[in-house]
Amino acid sequence: MKTLLAALAHGVNRAFPKAKSLLPKPLHRFVLLRVLGVNRPYERMLRENPERLFLQHEALPWVSDTYRKVLFVGTASYTHQYEDFFRDDPDRYTTIDRNPATKVWGGKHHIVASILDIDKHRPPGFFDCIVLNGILAYSIPELDDHGVIEREEIRKLVEALHRVMRPGGFLLVGWRLTDMPASPVELGLLDPYFVPTERPPWGRRKEFPGDIHVLESYERTAI
């Protein structure tokens, strides 16, 4: 039955490519997750990847409990559940991704744009927390997705994040060590806009033994 439903869904999508935009988001997600199984390639990652487990069970619950206005950068089928941490008030949670196809996985307030342009979509000091994970030096050329790689791009991003965050706001940055062996601080990419902070319960830096991911915590300066 699932195979038949999947074939039907694919057929409808080919025949009416704009039809999915007319579906309510919960129904659209149901078709993608339960009928088409788009999350199956990531099921093992969500169960076993230490970075994803940490985000799901420690970092994001703490962020939700601590901050009122949160921006999560990058949406995919394996990030949609993060909005559940803000079900008490969905207006607290904003997502952004430049790929229009990932809008279905975003929060109530989703922005289709590059994170480099976030200051064009939100006023100064709007957020008090931004989660920027897997964006720096990340590249999937076959998907035409090159992340934020060039030094000038990263500096532009840092300046834009600084503008839309309140003084003292919290920035959580995650990346793969295979993409960027040194931290943004060591590379001089954050001065003078952000400084390391020990504020979260896991401290300034979170590493995962045997894993290539790392997370670092920063505070927005008052300049």
N, C-alpha and C. Protein backbone atom coordinates (compact mmCIF):
# COMPACT_ATOMS: atom_id res chain seq x y z
N MET A 1 0.82 -1.20 0.00
CA MET A 1 0.00 0.00 0.00
C MET A 1 0.86 1.27 0.00
N LYS A 2 1.92 1.28 0.86
CA LYS A 2 2.78 2.46 0.92
C LYS A 2 3.47 2.71 -0.42
N THR A 3 3.86 1.61 -1.09
CA THR A 3 4.51 1.76 -2.39
C THR A 3 3.55 2.38 -3.39
N LEU A 4 2.30 1.94 -3.37
CA LEU A 4 1.29 2.49 -4.26
C LEU A 4 1.04 3.97 -3.96
N LEU A 5 0.94 4.31 -2.68
CA LEU A 5 0.72 5.70 -2.30
C LEU A 5 1.90 6.58 -2.69
N ALA A 6 3.10 6.04 -2.53
CA ALA A 6 4.28 6.81 -2.90
C ALA A 6 4.31 7.08 -4.40
N ALA A 7 3.99 6.04 -5.19
CA ALA A 7 3.96 6.21 -6.63
C ALA A 7 2.91 7.24 -7.04
N LEU A 8 1.77 7.20 -6.35
CA LEU A 8 0.70 8.16 -6.64
C LEU A 8 1.14 9.58 -6.30
N ALA A 9 1.79 9.73 -5.14
CA ALA A 9 2.25 11.06 -4.73
C ALA A 9 3.29 11.61 -5.69
N HIS A 10 4.22 10.77 -6.12
CA HIS A 10 5.22 11.21 -7.09
C HIS A 10 4.56 11.60 -8.41
N GLY A 11 3.56 10.83 -8.82
CA GLY A 11 2.86 11.13 -10.06
C GLY A 11 2.14 12.46 -10.01
N VAL A 12 1.47 12.70 -8.89
CA VAL A 12 0.77 13.98 -8.72
C VAL A 12 1.76 15.13 -8.72
N ASN A 13 2.90 14.93 -8.06
CA ASN A 13 3.90 15.99 -7.98
C ASN A 13 4.46 16.32 -9.35
N ARG A 14 4.64 15.28 -10.20
CA ARG A 14 5.15 15.52 -11.55
C ARG A 14 4.11 16.22 -12.42
N ALA A 15 2.87 15.80 -12.27
CA ALA A 15 1.81 16.37 -13.09
C ALA A 15 1.41 17.77 -12.65
N PHE A 16 1.45 17.99 -11.33
CA PHE A 16 1.03 19.29 -10.78
C PHE A 16 2.12 19.77 -9.81
N PRO A 17 3.23 20.25 -10.33
CA PRO A 17 4.36 20.59 -9.45
C PRO A 17 4.06 21.65 -8.42
N LYS A 18 3.03 22.49 -8.65
CA LYS A 18 2.71 23.54 -7.68
C LYS A 18 1.64 23.10 -6.68
N ALA A 19 1.14 21.88 -6.85
CA ALA A 19 0.05 21.43 -5.98
C ALA A 19 0.48 21.34 -4.53
N LYS A 20 1.76 20.97 -4.28
CA LYS A 20 2.19 20.81 -2.89
C LYS A 20 2.12 22.11 -2.11
N SER A 21 2.25 23.25 -2.81
CA SER A 21 2.18 24.53 -2.11
C SER A 21 0.78 24.83 -1.59
N LEU A 22 -0.23 24.09 -2.11
CA LEU A 22 -1.60 24.30 -1.68
C LEU A 22 -1.96 23.44 -0.48
N LEU A 23 -1.10 22.47 -0.15
CA LEU A 23 -1.38 21.57 0.97
C LEU A 23 -1.10 22.28 2.29
N PRO A 24 -1.93 22.07 3.31
CA PRO A 24 -1.58 22.54 4.66
C PRO A 24 -0.26 21.90 5.08
N LYS A 25 0.56 22.63 5.80
CA LYS A 25 1.88 22.13 6.16
C LYS A 25 1.84 20.78 6.87
N PRO A 26 0.96 20.56 7.85
CA PRO A 26 0.94 19.24 8.50
C PRO A 26 0.66 18.10 7.52
N LEU A 27 -0.25 18.33 6.57
CA LEU A 27 -0.55 17.29 5.59
C LEU A 27 0.61 17.09 4.64
N HIS A 28 1.23 18.19 4.22
CA HIS A 28 2.40 18.10 3.34
C HIS A 28 3.51 17.30 4.01
N ARG A 29 3.75 17.59 5.27
CA ARG A 29 4.78 16.84 6.01
C ARG A 29 4.41 15.36 6.12
N PHE A 30 3.15 15.09 6.39
CA PHE A 30 2.71 13.70 6.52
C PHE A 30 2.99 12.92 5.24
N VAL A 31 2.68 13.51 4.11
CA VAL A 31 2.92 12.84 2.82
C VAL A 31 4.42 12.60 2.64
N LEU A 32 5.22 13.61 2.91
CA LEU A 32 6.66 13.48 2.71
C LEU A 32 7.28 12.46 3.66
N LEU A 33 6.86 12.50 4.92
CA LEU A 33 7.48 11.63 5.92
C LEU A 33 6.91 10.22 5.92
N ARG A 34 5.58 10.10 5.89
CA ARG A 34 4.93 8.81 6.07
C ARG A 34 4.67 8.07 4.77
N VAL A 35 4.46 8.82 3.69
CA VAL A 35 4.17 8.17 2.41
C VAL A 35 5.43 8.04 1.58
N LEU A 36 6.14 9.15 1.40
CA LEU A 36 7.35 9.12 0.56
C LEU A 36 8.59 8.72 1.34
N GLY A 37 8.55 8.80 2.66
CA GLY A 37 9.68 8.34 3.47
C GLY A 37 10.96 9.14 3.27
N VAL A 38 10.84 10.46 3.12
CA VAL A 38 12.02 11.26 2.82
C VAL A 38 13.03 11.25 3.98
N ASN A 39 12.60 10.89 5.17
CA ASN A 39 13.51 10.92 6.32
C ASN A 39 14.25 9.61 6.53
N ARG A 40 13.91 8.59 5.76
CA ARG A 40 14.53 7.28 5.98
C ARG A 40 16.05 7.30 5.89
N PRO A 41 16.63 8.05 4.93
CA PRO A 41 18.11 8.06 4.88
C PRO A 41 18.76 8.66 6.12
N TYR A 42 17.97 9.41 6.92
CA TYR A 42 18.54 10.09 8.08
C TYR A 42 18.17 9.43 9.40
N GLU A 43 17.39 8.36 9.36
CA GLU A 43 16.91 7.75 10.60
C GLU A 43 18.05 7.28 11.50
N ARG A 44 19.06 6.67 10.91
CA ARG A 44 20.19 6.21 11.70
C ARG A 44 20.95 7.40 12.30
N MET A 45 21.13 8.45 11.50
CA MET A 45 21.82 9.64 11.98
C MET A 45 21.10 10.22 13.20
N LEU A 46 19.77 10.30 13.13
CA LEU A 46 19.00 10.88 14.22
C LEU A 46 19.05 10.02 15.47
N ARG A 47 19.25 8.70 15.29
CA ARG A 47 19.33 7.79 16.44
C ARG A 47 20.72 7.73 17.04
N GLU A 48 21.77 7.91 16.20
CA GLU A 48 23.12 7.58 16.64
C GLU A 48 24.11 8.74 16.60
N ASN A 49 23.89 9.73 15.75
CA ASN A 49 24.86 10.81 15.62
C ASN A 49 24.92 11.63 16.91
N PRO A 50 26.08 11.69 17.57
CA PRO A 50 26.14 12.37 18.87
C PRO A 50 25.81 13.86 18.81
N GLU A 51 26.17 14.50 17.71
CA GLU A 51 25.87 15.93 17.59
C GLU A 51 24.36 16.15 17.50
N ARG A 52 23.67 15.35 16.67
CA ARG A 52 22.23 15.49 16.53
C ARG A 52 21.51 15.14 17.83
N LEU A 53 21.99 14.13 18.53
CA LEU A 53 21.39 13.76 19.81
C LEU A 53 21.58 14.88 20.83
N PHE A 54 22.74 15.50 20.81
CA PHE A 54 23.00 16.60 21.73
C PHE A 54 22.09 17.79 21.43
N LEU A 55 21.94 18.14 20.16
CA LEU A 55 21.04 19.23 19.79
C LEU A 55 19.62 18.94 20.26
N GLN A 56 19.17 17.72 20.00
CA GLN A 56 17.78 17.34 20.27
C GLN A 56 17.49 17.28 21.77
N HIS A 57 18.42 16.75 22.54
CA HIS A 57 18.12 16.45 23.94
C HIS A 57 18.74 17.41 24.95
N GLU A 58 19.71 18.21 24.54
CA GLU A 58 20.35 19.11 25.49
C GLU A 58 20.37 20.56 25.03
N ALA A 59 20.96 20.81 23.86
CA ALA A 59 21.18 22.20 23.44
C ALA A 59 19.88 22.94 23.17
N LEU A 60 19.01 22.40 22.33
CA LEU A 60 17.80 23.12 21.96
C LEU A 60 16.79 23.22 23.10
N PRO A 61 16.62 22.20 23.93
CA PRO A 61 15.77 22.40 25.11
C PRO A 61 16.27 23.53 26.00
N TRP A 62 17.60 23.61 26.21
CA TRP A 62 18.15 24.70 27.02
C TRP A 62 17.91 26.05 26.35
N VAL A 63 18.13 26.12 25.04
CA VAL A 63 17.90 27.36 24.29
C VAL A 63 16.45 27.81 24.44
N SER A 64 15.52 26.88 24.28
CA SER A 64 14.10 27.21 24.37
C SER A 64 13.73 27.72 25.76
N ASP A 65 14.32 27.12 26.80
CA ASP A 65 14.02 27.52 28.17
C ASP A 65 14.66 28.85 28.55
N THR A 66 15.71 29.24 27.80
CA THR A 66 16.52 30.39 28.21
C THR A 66 16.23 31.66 27.41
N TYR A 67 15.81 31.50 26.16
CA TYR A 67 15.70 32.66 25.27
C TYR A 67 14.30 32.79 24.68
N ARG A 68 13.92 34.04 24.39
CA ARG A 68 12.57 34.32 23.90
C ARG A 68 12.47 34.31 22.38
N LYS A 69 13.44 34.89 21.70
CA LYS A 69 13.39 35.02 20.25
C LYS A 69 14.57 34.27 19.64
N VAL A 70 14.28 33.13 19.00
CA VAL A 70 15.33 32.24 18.52
C VAL A 70 15.26 32.10 17.01
N LEU A 71 16.42 32.17 16.37
CA LEU A 71 16.53 31.91 14.93
C LEU A 71 17.32 30.64 14.72
N PHE A 72 16.74 29.70 13.95
CA PHE A 72 17.44 28.46 13.59
C PHE A 72 17.74 28.52 12.10
N VAL A 73 19.01 28.35 11.75
CA VAL A 73 19.46 28.51 10.37
C VAL A 73 19.56 27.15 9.68
N GLY A 74 18.84 27.01 8.57
CA GLY A 74 18.88 25.78 7.79
C GLY A 74 17.77 24.83 8.17
N THR A 75 16.95 24.43 7.20
CA THR A 75 15.86 23.52 7.48
C THR A 75 15.95 22.30 6.57
N ALA A 76 15.53 21.16 7.11
CA ALA A 76 15.54 19.89 6.37
C ALA A 76 14.55 18.96 7.05
N SER A 77 14.33 17.81 6.45
CA SER A 77 13.35 16.88 7.02
C SER A 77 13.73 16.41 8.41
N TYR A 78 15.03 16.48 8.74
CA TYR A 78 15.48 16.03 10.05
C TYR A 78 15.58 17.17 11.07
N THR A 79 15.06 18.38 10.73
CA THR A 79 15.07 19.48 11.69
C THR A 79 13.66 19.94 12.06
N HIS A 80 12.63 19.41 11.41
CA HIS A 80 11.28 19.94 11.61
C HIS A 80 10.80 19.80 13.05
N GLN A 81 11.27 18.77 13.76
CA GLN A 81 10.79 18.53 15.12
C GLN A 81 11.32 19.57 16.11
N TYR A 82 12.31 20.36 15.72
CA TYR A 82 12.86 21.34 16.65
C TYR A 82 11.84 22.40 17.04
N GLU A 83 10.87 22.67 16.19
CA GLU A 83 9.86 23.67 16.54
C GLU A 83 8.99 23.21 17.71
N ASP A 84 9.00 21.91 18.01
CA ASP A 84 8.21 21.41 19.14
C ASP A 84 8.68 22.02 20.47
N PHE A 85 9.94 22.43 20.54
CA PHE A 85 10.44 23.03 21.76
C PHE A 85 9.83 24.42 22.01
N PHE A 86 9.14 24.94 21.00
CA PHE A 86 8.56 26.28 21.11
C PHE A 86 7.04 26.22 20.95
N ARG A 87 6.46 25.07 21.23
CA ARG A 87 5.01 24.94 21.04
C ARG A 87 4.23 25.82 22.01
N ASP A 88 4.85 26.23 23.10
CA ASP A 88 4.17 27.13 24.03
C ASP A 88 3.88 28.47 23.39
N ASP A 89 4.74 28.88 22.45
CA ASP A 89 4.57 30.14 21.73
C ASP A 89 5.36 30.07 20.43
N PRO A 90 4.76 29.58 19.35
CA PRO A 90 5.47 29.42 18.08
C PRO A 90 6.05 30.71 17.52
N ASP A 91 5.55 31.86 18.00
CA ASP A 91 6.08 33.13 17.52
C ASP A 91 7.50 33.37 18.00
N ARG A 92 7.95 32.58 18.97
CA ARG A 92 9.32 32.76 19.47
C ARG A 92 10.36 32.18 18.53
N TYR A 93 9.93 31.34 17.59
CA TYR A 93 10.86 30.53 16.80
C TYR A 93 10.78 30.92 15.33
N THR A 94 11.91 31.30 14.76
CA THR A 94 12.01 31.64 13.34
C THR A 94 13.03 30.73 12.69
N THR A 95 12.76 30.32 11.46
CA THR A 95 13.72 29.53 10.70
C THR A 95 14.03 30.25 9.39
N ILE A 96 15.18 29.93 8.81
CA ILE A 96 15.58 30.53 7.54
C ILE A 96 16.35 29.52 6.71
N ASP A 97 16.07 29.48 5.42
CA ASP A 97 16.80 28.65 4.47
C ASP A 97 16.60 29.24 3.09
N ARG A 98 17.64 29.27 2.29
CA ARG A 98 17.52 29.89 0.97
C ARG A 98 16.85 28.98 -0.06
N ASN A 99 16.69 27.71 0.28
CA ASN A 99 16.07 26.76 -0.63
C ASN A 99 14.55 26.76 -0.42
N PRO A 100 13.76 27.21 -1.40
CA PRO A 100 12.30 27.25 -1.21
C PRO A 100 11.69 25.88 -0.91
N ALA A 101 12.33 24.80 -1.38
CA ALA A 101 11.78 23.47 -1.20
C ALA A 101 11.79 23.02 0.25
N THR A 102 12.59 23.66 1.10
CA THR A 102 12.66 23.24 2.50
C THR A 102 11.73 24.04 3.41
N LYS A 103 10.93 24.91 2.83
CA LYS A 103 10.02 25.73 3.63
C LYS A 103 9.09 24.87 4.48
N VAL A 104 8.68 23.72 3.95
CA VAL A 104 7.75 22.84 4.66
C VAL A 104 8.31 22.38 6.00
N TRP A 105 9.64 22.37 6.15
CA TRP A 105 10.27 21.91 7.39
C TRP A 105 10.54 23.05 8.35
N GLY A 106 10.19 24.28 7.97
CA GLY A 106 10.45 25.43 8.82
C GLY A 106 9.38 25.65 9.87
N GLY A 107 9.60 26.64 10.70
CA GLY A 107 8.66 26.97 11.75
C GLY A 107 7.52 27.82 11.24
N LYS A 108 6.70 28.29 12.17
CA LYS A 108 5.57 29.15 11.81
C LYS A 108 6.06 30.37 11.07
N HIS A 109 7.17 30.93 11.51
CA HIS A 109 7.78 32.08 10.85
C HIS A 109 9.03 31.60 10.13
N HIS A 110 8.90 31.39 8.84
CA HIS A 110 10.02 30.89 8.05
C HIS A 110 10.38 31.91 6.97
N ILE A 111 11.67 32.11 6.79
CA ILE A 111 12.18 33.06 5.81
C ILE A 111 12.89 32.30 4.70
N VAL A 112 12.49 32.51 3.46
CA VAL A 112 13.17 31.93 2.31
C VAL A 112 14.20 32.95 1.82
N ALA A 113 15.42 32.78 2.26
CA ALA A 113 16.49 33.73 1.92
C ALA A 113 17.81 33.17 2.42
N SER A 114 18.88 33.73 1.95
CA SER A 114 20.20 33.39 2.47
C SER A 114 20.37 33.99 3.86
N ILE A 115 21.05 33.28 4.74
CA ILE A 115 21.29 33.81 6.07
C ILE A 115 22.14 35.08 5.99
N LEU A 116 22.89 35.26 4.92
CA LEU A 116 23.67 36.49 4.76
C LEU A 116 22.77 37.72 4.68
N ASP A 117 21.50 37.50 4.34
CA ASP A 117 20.56 38.61 4.18
C ASP A 117 19.54 38.70 5.31
N ILE A 118 19.81 38.06 6.44
CA ILE A 118 18.84 38.05 7.53
C ILE A 118 18.49 39.45 8.00
N ASP A 119 19.45 40.38 7.94
CA ASP A 119 19.18 41.74 8.41
C ASP A 119 18.25 42.51 7.48
N LYS A 120 17.94 41.92 6.32
CA LYS A 120 16.95 42.51 5.43
C LYS A 120 15.53 42.06 5.78
N HIS A 121 15.44 41.07 6.65
CA HIS A 121 14.14 40.48 6.98
C HIS A 121 13.72 40.68 8.43
N ARG A 122 14.66 41.05 9.30
CA ARG A 122 14.33 41.30 10.70
C ARG A 122 15.05 42.56 11.16
N PRO A 123 14.44 43.33 12.06
CA PRO A 123 15.02 44.60 12.51
C PRO A 123 16.20 44.39 13.45
N PRO A 124 16.96 45.45 13.70
CA PRO A 124 18.09 45.35 14.62
C PRO A 124 17.66 44.88 16.01
N GLY A 125 18.47 44.00 16.60
CA GLY A 125 18.22 43.51 17.95
C GLY A 125 17.02 42.60 18.10
N PHE A 126 16.52 42.03 17.02
CA PHE A 126 15.29 41.23 17.09
C PHE A 126 15.49 39.92 17.84
N PHE A 127 16.59 39.22 17.60
CA PHE A 127 16.81 37.90 18.21
C PHE A 127 17.71 38.01 19.44
N ASP A 128 17.47 37.11 20.38
CA ASP A 128 18.41 37.00 21.49
C ASP A 128 19.16 35.67 21.45
N CYS A 129 18.89 34.85 20.45
CA CYS A 129 19.65 33.61 20.25
C CYS A 129 19.58 33.19 18.78
N ILE A 130 20.71 32.78 18.25
CA ILE A 130 20.76 32.24 16.88
C ILE A 130 21.55 30.94 16.90
N VAL A 131 20.98 29.90 16.28
CA VAL A 131 21.65 28.61 16.15
C VAL A 131 22.08 28.46 14.70
N LEU A 132 23.38 28.45 14.50
CA LEU A 132 23.98 28.39 13.16
C LEU A 132 24.80 27.11 13.07
N ASN A 133 24.18 26.05 12.61
CA ASN A 133 24.83 24.74 12.62
C ASN A 133 24.95 24.18 11.20
N GLY A 134 26.18 23.79 10.84
CA GLY A 134 26.40 23.16 9.55
C GLY A 134 26.37 24.10 8.37
N ILE A 135 26.63 25.38 8.58
CA ILE A 135 26.58 26.36 7.51
C ILE A 135 27.98 26.81 7.10
N LEU A 136 28.86 27.01 8.07
CA LEU A 136 30.19 27.51 7.77
C LEU A 136 31.04 26.44 7.07
N ALA A 137 31.64 26.86 5.96
CA ALA A 137 32.56 26.00 5.21
C ALA A 137 31.92 24.67 4.80
N TYR A 138 30.63 24.71 4.57
CA TYR A 138 29.90 23.48 4.22
C TYR A 138 29.58 23.49 2.74
N SER A 139 29.84 22.41 2.05
CA SER A 139 29.66 22.40 0.60
C SER A 139 29.14 21.07 0.10
N ILE A 140 28.07 21.13 -0.71
CA ILE A 140 27.57 19.96 -1.43
C ILE A 140 27.43 20.38 -2.90
N PRO A 141 28.53 20.38 -3.65
CA PRO A 141 28.48 20.90 -5.02
C PRO A 141 27.44 20.22 -5.90
N GLU A 142 27.23 18.92 -5.70
CA GLU A 142 26.28 18.21 -6.56
C GLU A 142 24.85 18.69 -6.33
N LEU A 143 24.60 19.31 -5.19
CA LEU A 143 23.28 19.88 -4.92
C LEU A 143 23.27 21.40 -5.11
N ASP A 144 24.37 21.91 -5.66
CA ASP A 144 24.51 23.35 -5.86
C ASP A 144 24.34 24.11 -4.56
N ASP A 145 24.83 23.51 -3.47
CA ASP A 145 24.74 24.13 -2.16
C ASP A 145 26.15 24.28 -1.61
N HIS A 146 26.62 25.50 -1.50
CA HIS A 146 28.00 25.72 -1.11
C HIS A 146 28.16 26.36 0.25
N GLY A 147 27.06 26.46 1.01
CA GLY A 147 27.17 27.01 2.35
C GLY A 147 27.78 28.39 2.35
N VAL A 148 28.44 28.73 3.44
CA VAL A 148 29.16 29.99 3.56
C VAL A 148 30.63 29.64 3.73
N ILE A 149 31.40 29.84 2.68
CA ILE A 149 32.75 29.32 2.63
C ILE A 149 33.81 30.41 2.62
N GLU A 150 33.66 31.37 1.73
CA GLU A 150 34.68 32.39 1.56
C GLU A 150 34.77 33.30 2.78
N ARG A 151 35.98 33.72 3.09
CA ARG A 151 36.20 34.57 4.26
C ARG A 151 35.34 35.84 4.22
N GLU A 152 35.26 36.47 3.05
CA GLU A 152 34.46 37.68 2.94
C GLU A 152 32.98 37.40 3.19
N GLU A 153 32.50 36.24 2.73
CA GLU A 153 31.12 35.85 2.98
C GLU A 153 30.87 35.66 4.47
N ILE A 154 31.81 34.99 5.13
CA ILE A 154 31.65 34.73 6.56
C ILE A 154 31.64 36.04 7.35
N ARG A 155 32.50 36.96 6.97
CA ARG A 155 32.52 38.26 7.65
C ARG A 155 31.20 39.00 7.43
N LYS A 156 30.67 38.94 6.22
CA LYS A 156 29.38 39.57 5.95
C LYS A 156 28.28 38.92 6.79
N LEU A 157 28.34 37.60 6.93
CA LEU A 157 27.37 36.88 7.75
C LEU A 157 27.46 37.31 9.21
N VAL A 158 28.67 37.36 9.74
CA VAL A 158 28.88 37.74 11.14
C VAL A 158 28.32 39.14 11.40
N GLU A 159 28.56 40.06 10.50
CA GLU A 159 28.05 41.42 10.66
C GLU A 159 26.52 41.44 10.63
N ALA A 160 25.92 40.65 9.73
CA ALA A 160 24.46 40.60 9.64
C ALA A 160 23.85 40.01 10.91
N LEU A 161 24.46 38.94 11.43
CA LEU A 161 23.98 38.33 12.68
C LEU A 161 24.08 39.32 13.83
N HIS A 162 25.17 40.04 13.87
CA HIS A 162 25.36 41.04 14.93
C HIS A 162 24.26 42.10 14.89
N ARG A 163 23.85 42.50 13.70
CA ARG A 163 22.83 43.54 13.58
C ARG A 163 21.46 43.07 14.08
N VAL A 164 21.11 41.81 13.84
CA VAL A 164 19.77 41.36 14.21
C VAL A 164 19.69 40.77 15.61
N MET A 165 20.82 40.77 16.35
CA MET A 165 20.83 40.25 17.71
C MET A 165 20.94 41.39 18.71
N ARG A 166 20.33 41.19 19.86
CA ARG A 166 20.45 42.18 20.94
C ARG A 166 21.82 42.03 21.60
N PRO A 167 22.33 43.09 22.23
CA PRO A 167 23.60 42.98 22.97
C PRO A 167 23.49 41.88 24.03
N GLY A 168 24.51 41.05 24.10
CA GLY A 168 24.50 39.93 25.04
C GLY A 168 23.80 38.69 24.51
N GLY A 169 23.29 38.76 23.28
CA GLY A 169 22.62 37.61 22.68
C GLY A 169 23.55 36.43 22.50
N PHE A 170 22.97 35.25 22.42
CA PHE A 170 23.73 34.00 22.39
C PHE A 170 23.77 33.42 20.98
N LEU A 171 24.97 33.10 20.52
CA LEU A 171 25.17 32.50 19.20
C LEU A 171 25.81 31.13 19.36
N LEU A 172 25.12 30.09 18.88
CA LEU A 172 25.64 28.72 18.91
C LEU A 172 26.04 28.34 17.49
N VAL A 173 27.32 28.06 17.30
CA VAL A 173 27.86 27.76 15.97
C VAL A 173 28.37 26.33 15.95
N GLY A 174 27.93 25.56 14.96
CA GLY A 174 28.41 24.19 14.79
C GLY A 174 28.97 24.00 13.40
N TRP A 175 30.02 23.19 13.29
CA TRP A 175 30.60 22.91 11.98
C TRP A 175 31.35 21.59 12.02
N ARG A 176 31.75 21.14 10.84
CA ARG A 176 32.52 19.90 10.73
C ARG A 176 34.01 20.25 10.69
N LEU A 177 34.79 19.56 11.49
CA LEU A 177 36.22 19.83 11.53
C LEU A 177 36.89 19.50 10.20
N THR A 178 36.30 18.63 9.43
CA THR A 178 36.86 18.34 8.10
C THR A 178 36.64 19.50 7.14
N ASP A 179 35.64 20.34 7.42
CA ASP A 179 35.40 21.51 6.59
C ASP A 179 36.21 22.72 7.05
N MET A 180 36.34 22.87 8.37
CA MET A 180 37.02 24.03 8.94
C MET A 180 37.75 23.58 10.20
N PRO A 181 39.03 23.18 10.09
CA PRO A 181 39.75 22.62 11.24
C PRO A 181 39.90 23.59 12.41
N ALA A 182 40.04 24.89 12.12
CA ALA A 182 40.19 25.88 13.19
C ALA A 182 38.85 26.53 13.48
N SER A 183 38.69 27.07 14.68
CA SER A 183 37.44 27.70 15.06
C SER A 183 37.36 29.11 14.48
N PRO A 184 36.15 29.68 14.39
CA PRO A 184 36.01 31.05 13.88
C PRO A 184 36.83 32.06 14.68
N VAL A 185 36.98 31.84 16.00
CA VAL A 185 37.78 32.73 16.82
C VAL A 185 39.25 32.66 16.41
N GLU A 186 39.75 31.45 16.25
CA GLU A 186 41.16 31.27 15.86
C GLU A 186 41.43 31.86 14.49
N LEU A 187 40.43 31.87 13.63
CA LEU A 187 40.58 32.43 12.28
C LEU A 187 40.34 33.93 12.26
N GLY A 188 39.97 34.51 13.39
CA GLY A 188 39.74 35.94 13.46
C GLY A 188 38.51 36.41 12.72
N LEU A 189 37.50 35.52 12.62
CA LEU A 189 36.31 35.84 11.83
C LEU A 189 35.23 36.56 12.63
N LEU A 190 35.33 36.55 13.96
CA LEU A 190 34.25 37.08 14.78
C LEU A 190 34.52 38.46 15.37
N ASP A 191 35.79 38.84 15.45
CA ASP A 191 36.13 40.15 16.02
C ASP A 191 35.57 41.28 15.16
N PRO A 192 35.02 42.32 15.77
CA PRO A 192 34.81 42.54 17.20
C PRO A 192 33.37 42.27 17.61
N TYR A 193 32.68 41.42 16.85
CA TYR A 193 31.22 41.30 17.00
C TYR A 193 30.77 40.25 18.01
N PHE A 194 31.55 39.18 18.17
CA PHE A 194 31.18 38.11 19.09
C PHE A 194 32.41 37.65 19.86
N VAL A 195 32.19 37.24 21.10
CA VAL A 195 33.28 36.72 21.93
C VAL A 195 32.84 35.39 22.53
N PRO A 196 33.77 34.48 22.81
CA PRO A 196 33.41 33.20 23.42
C PRO A 196 32.75 33.40 24.77
N THR A 197 31.84 32.48 25.12
CA THR A 197 31.15 32.55 26.40
C THR A 197 31.03 31.17 27.03
N GLU A 198 31.06 31.14 28.36
CA GLU A 198 30.87 29.89 29.12
C GLU A 198 29.42 29.78 29.59
N ARG A 199 28.52 30.59 29.06
CA ARG A 199 27.16 30.68 29.57
C ARG A 199 26.40 29.35 29.56
N PRO A 200 26.39 28.57 28.48
CA PRO A 200 25.57 27.35 28.48
C PRO A 200 26.14 26.30 29.42
N PRO A 201 25.31 25.36 29.85
CA PRO A 201 25.76 24.34 30.80
C PRO A 201 26.88 23.46 30.28
N TRP A 202 27.04 23.36 28.97
CA TRP A 202 28.12 22.53 28.41
C TRP A 202 29.40 23.33 28.20
N GLY A 203 29.38 24.63 28.51
CA GLY A 203 30.58 25.45 28.41
C GLY A 203 30.78 26.07 27.05
N ARG A 204 31.98 26.57 26.83
CA ARG A 204 32.28 27.32 25.60
C ARG A 204 32.32 26.43 24.37
N ARG A 205 32.82 25.21 24.52
CA ARG A 205 33.03 24.34 23.36
C ARG A 205 32.53 22.95 23.68
N LYS A 206 31.81 22.36 22.74
CA LYS A 206 31.31 21.00 22.90
C LYS A 206 31.87 20.14 21.78
N GLU A 207 32.64 19.13 22.17
CA GLU A 207 33.20 18.18 21.21
C GLU A 207 32.57 16.81 21.41
N PHE A 208 32.69 15.97 20.40
CA PHE A 208 32.09 14.65 20.43
C PHE A 208 33.16 13.63 20.06
N PRO A 209 33.69 12.90 21.03
CA PRO A 209 34.77 11.94 20.76
C PRO A 209 34.42 11.00 19.61
N GLY A 210 35.33 10.89 18.67
CA GLY A 210 35.11 10.02 17.53
C GLY A 210 34.23 10.61 16.45
N ASP A 211 33.81 11.88 16.61
CA ASP A 211 32.93 12.52 15.64
C ASP A 211 33.60 13.79 15.14
N ILE A 212 33.27 14.19 13.91
CA ILE A 212 33.94 15.33 13.29
C ILE A 212 33.26 16.66 13.57
N HIS A 213 32.17 16.65 14.33
CA HIS A 213 31.44 17.88 14.60
C HIS A 213 31.89 18.54 15.90
N VAL A 214 31.73 19.86 15.94
CA VAL A 214 32.04 20.63 17.13
C VAL A 214 31.05 21.79 17.21
N LEU A 215 30.72 22.20 18.43
CA LEU A 215 29.85 23.35 18.66
C LEU A 215 30.57 24.33 19.57
N GLU A 216 30.46 25.63 19.26
CA GLU A 216 31.05 26.64 20.12
C GLU A 216 30.02 27.71 20.44
N SER A 217 30.17 28.31 21.61
CA SER A 217 29.20 29.28 22.13
C SER A 217 29.81 30.67 22.16
N TYR A 218 29.04 31.66 21.70
CA TYR A 218 29.51 33.04 21.64
C TYR A 218 28.46 34.00 22.16
N GLU A 219 28.92 35.16 22.56
CA GLU A 219 28.04 36.22 23.02
C GLU A 219 28.22 37.44 22.15
N ARG A 220 27.11 38.07 21.81
CA ARG A 220 27.17 39.27 20.98
C ARG A 220 27.70 40.44 21.80
N THR A 221 28.66 41.15 21.25
CA THR A 221 29.23 42.31 21.94
C THR A 221 28.28 43.50 21.82
N ALA A 222 28.55 44.52 22.59
CA ALA A 222 27.67 45.69 22.64
C ALA A 222 28.01 46.75 21.59
N ILE A 223 29.05 46.56 20.81
CA ILE A 223 29.44 47.59 19.84
C ILE A 223 28.41 47.70 18.71
